[in-house]
C-alpha atoms as a PDB file:
ATOM      1  CA  MET A   1     -16.036 -14.142 -28.389  1.00  0.00           C
ATOM      2  CA  ILE A   2     -12.222 -13.984 -28.148  1.00  0.00           C
ATOM      3  CA  ASP A   3     -10.797 -17.181 -29.707  1.00  0.00           C
ATOM      4  CA  LYS A   4      -7.454 -18.257 -28.706  1.00  0.00           C
ATOM      5  CA  LEU A   5      -5.617 -16.902 -31.347  1.00  0.00           C
ATOM      6  CA  ASN A   6      -6.328 -13.445 -30.253  1.00  0.00           C
ATOM      7  CA  ILE A   7      -5.820 -14.063 -26.681  1.00  0.00           C
ATOM      8  CA  ASN A   8      -2.138 -15.554 -27.429  1.00  0.00           C
ATOM      9  CA  LEU A   9      -1.586 -12.252 -29.914  1.00  0.00           C
ATOM     10  CA  ILE A  10      -2.585 -10.264 -27.366  1.00  0.00           C
ATOM     11  CA  ARG A  11      -0.088 -11.817 -24.708  1.00  0.00           C
ATOM     12  CA  PHE A  12       2.476 -11.320 -26.993  1.00  0.00           C
ATOM     13  CA  ILE A  13       2.281  -7.987 -28.033  1.00  0.00           C
ATOM     14  CA  LEU A  14       1.738  -6.860 -24.234  1.00  0.00           C
ATOM     15  CA  LEU A  15       4.719  -9.013 -23.568  1.00  0.00           C
ATOM     16  CA  ALA A  16       6.935  -7.299 -26.030  1.00  0.00           C
ATOM     17  CA  LEU A  17       5.904  -3.788 -24.788  1.00  0.00           C
ATOM     18  CA  ILE A  18       7.042  -5.246 -21.804  1.00  0.00           C
ATOM     19  CA  VAL A  19      10.553  -6.462 -22.350  1.00  0.00           C
ATOM     20  CA  PHE A  20      11.151  -3.275 -24.402  1.00  0.00           C
ATOM     21  CA  SER A  21       9.664  -0.825 -21.610  1.00  0.00           C
ATOM     22  CA  ILE A  22      12.410  -2.420 -19.412  1.00  0.00           C
ATOM     23  CA  ILE A  23      15.370  -2.488 -22.378  1.00  0.00           C
ATOM     24  CA  TYR A  24      14.526   1.398 -22.749  1.00  0.00           C
ATOM     25  CA  GLY A  25      14.458   2.117 -18.877  1.00  0.00           C
ATOM     26  CA  ILE A  26      18.167   0.527 -18.557  1.00  0.00           C
ATOM     27  CA  LEU A  27      19.246   2.131 -21.424  1.00  0.00           C
ATOM     28  CA  ARG A  28      18.074   5.631 -19.733  1.00  0.00           C
ATOM     29  CA  GLY A  29      19.850   4.646 -16.595  1.00  0.00           C
ATOM     30  CA  GLU A  30      16.706   4.582 -14.320  1.00  0.00           C
ATOM     31  CA  VAL A  31      17.940   1.687 -12.976  1.00  0.00           C
ATOM     32  CA  GLN A  32      20.345   3.334 -10.288  1.00  0.00           C
ATOM     33  CA  ILE A  33      17.204   6.277  -9.864  1.00  0.00           C
ATOM     34  CA  VAL A  34      15.223   3.301  -8.710  1.00  0.00           C
ATOM     35  CA  LEU A  35      17.831   1.804  -6.659  1.00  0.00           C
ATOM     36  CA  ARG A  36      19.183   5.572  -5.143  1.00  0.00           C
ATOM     37  CA  ASN A  37      15.143   5.801  -4.168  1.00  0.00           C
ATOM     38  CA  ALA A  38      14.625   2.567  -2.828  1.00  0.00           C
ATOM     39  CA  THR A  39      17.347   3.055  -0.578  1.00  0.00           C
ATOM     40  CA  ASN A  40      16.499   6.283   0.754  1.00  0.00           C
ATOM     41  CA  ILE A  41      13.167   4.634   1.969  1.00  0.00           C
ATOM     42  CA  CYS A  42      14.557   2.099   3.537  1.00  0.00           C
ATOM     43  CA  LEU A  43      16.301   3.996   5.143  1.00  0.00           C
ATOM     44  CA  ASP A  44      14.143   6.382   6.155  1.00  0.00           C
ATOM     45  CA  CYS A  45      12.081   3.516   7.657  1.00  0.00           C
ATOM     46  CA  ILE A  46      14.114   2.291   9.801  1.00  0.00           C
ATOM     47  CA  GLY A  47      15.555   5.842  10.772  1.00  0.00           C
ATOM     48  CA  ILE A  48      18.969   6.200   9.590  1.00  0.00           C
ATOM     49  CA  GLY A  49      18.090   8.403   6.774  1.00  0.00           C
END
């Protein structure tokens, strides 16, 4: 059985990986790509794009 210390360690490692991934994506400029794609999808859905 996994004790509370191991669960907290797993949570911390996952949180660190998530934060690292977000920062890495921001530094690569992927925010603009995601926003551009989201805008295109939204405009297509309402029939403008």
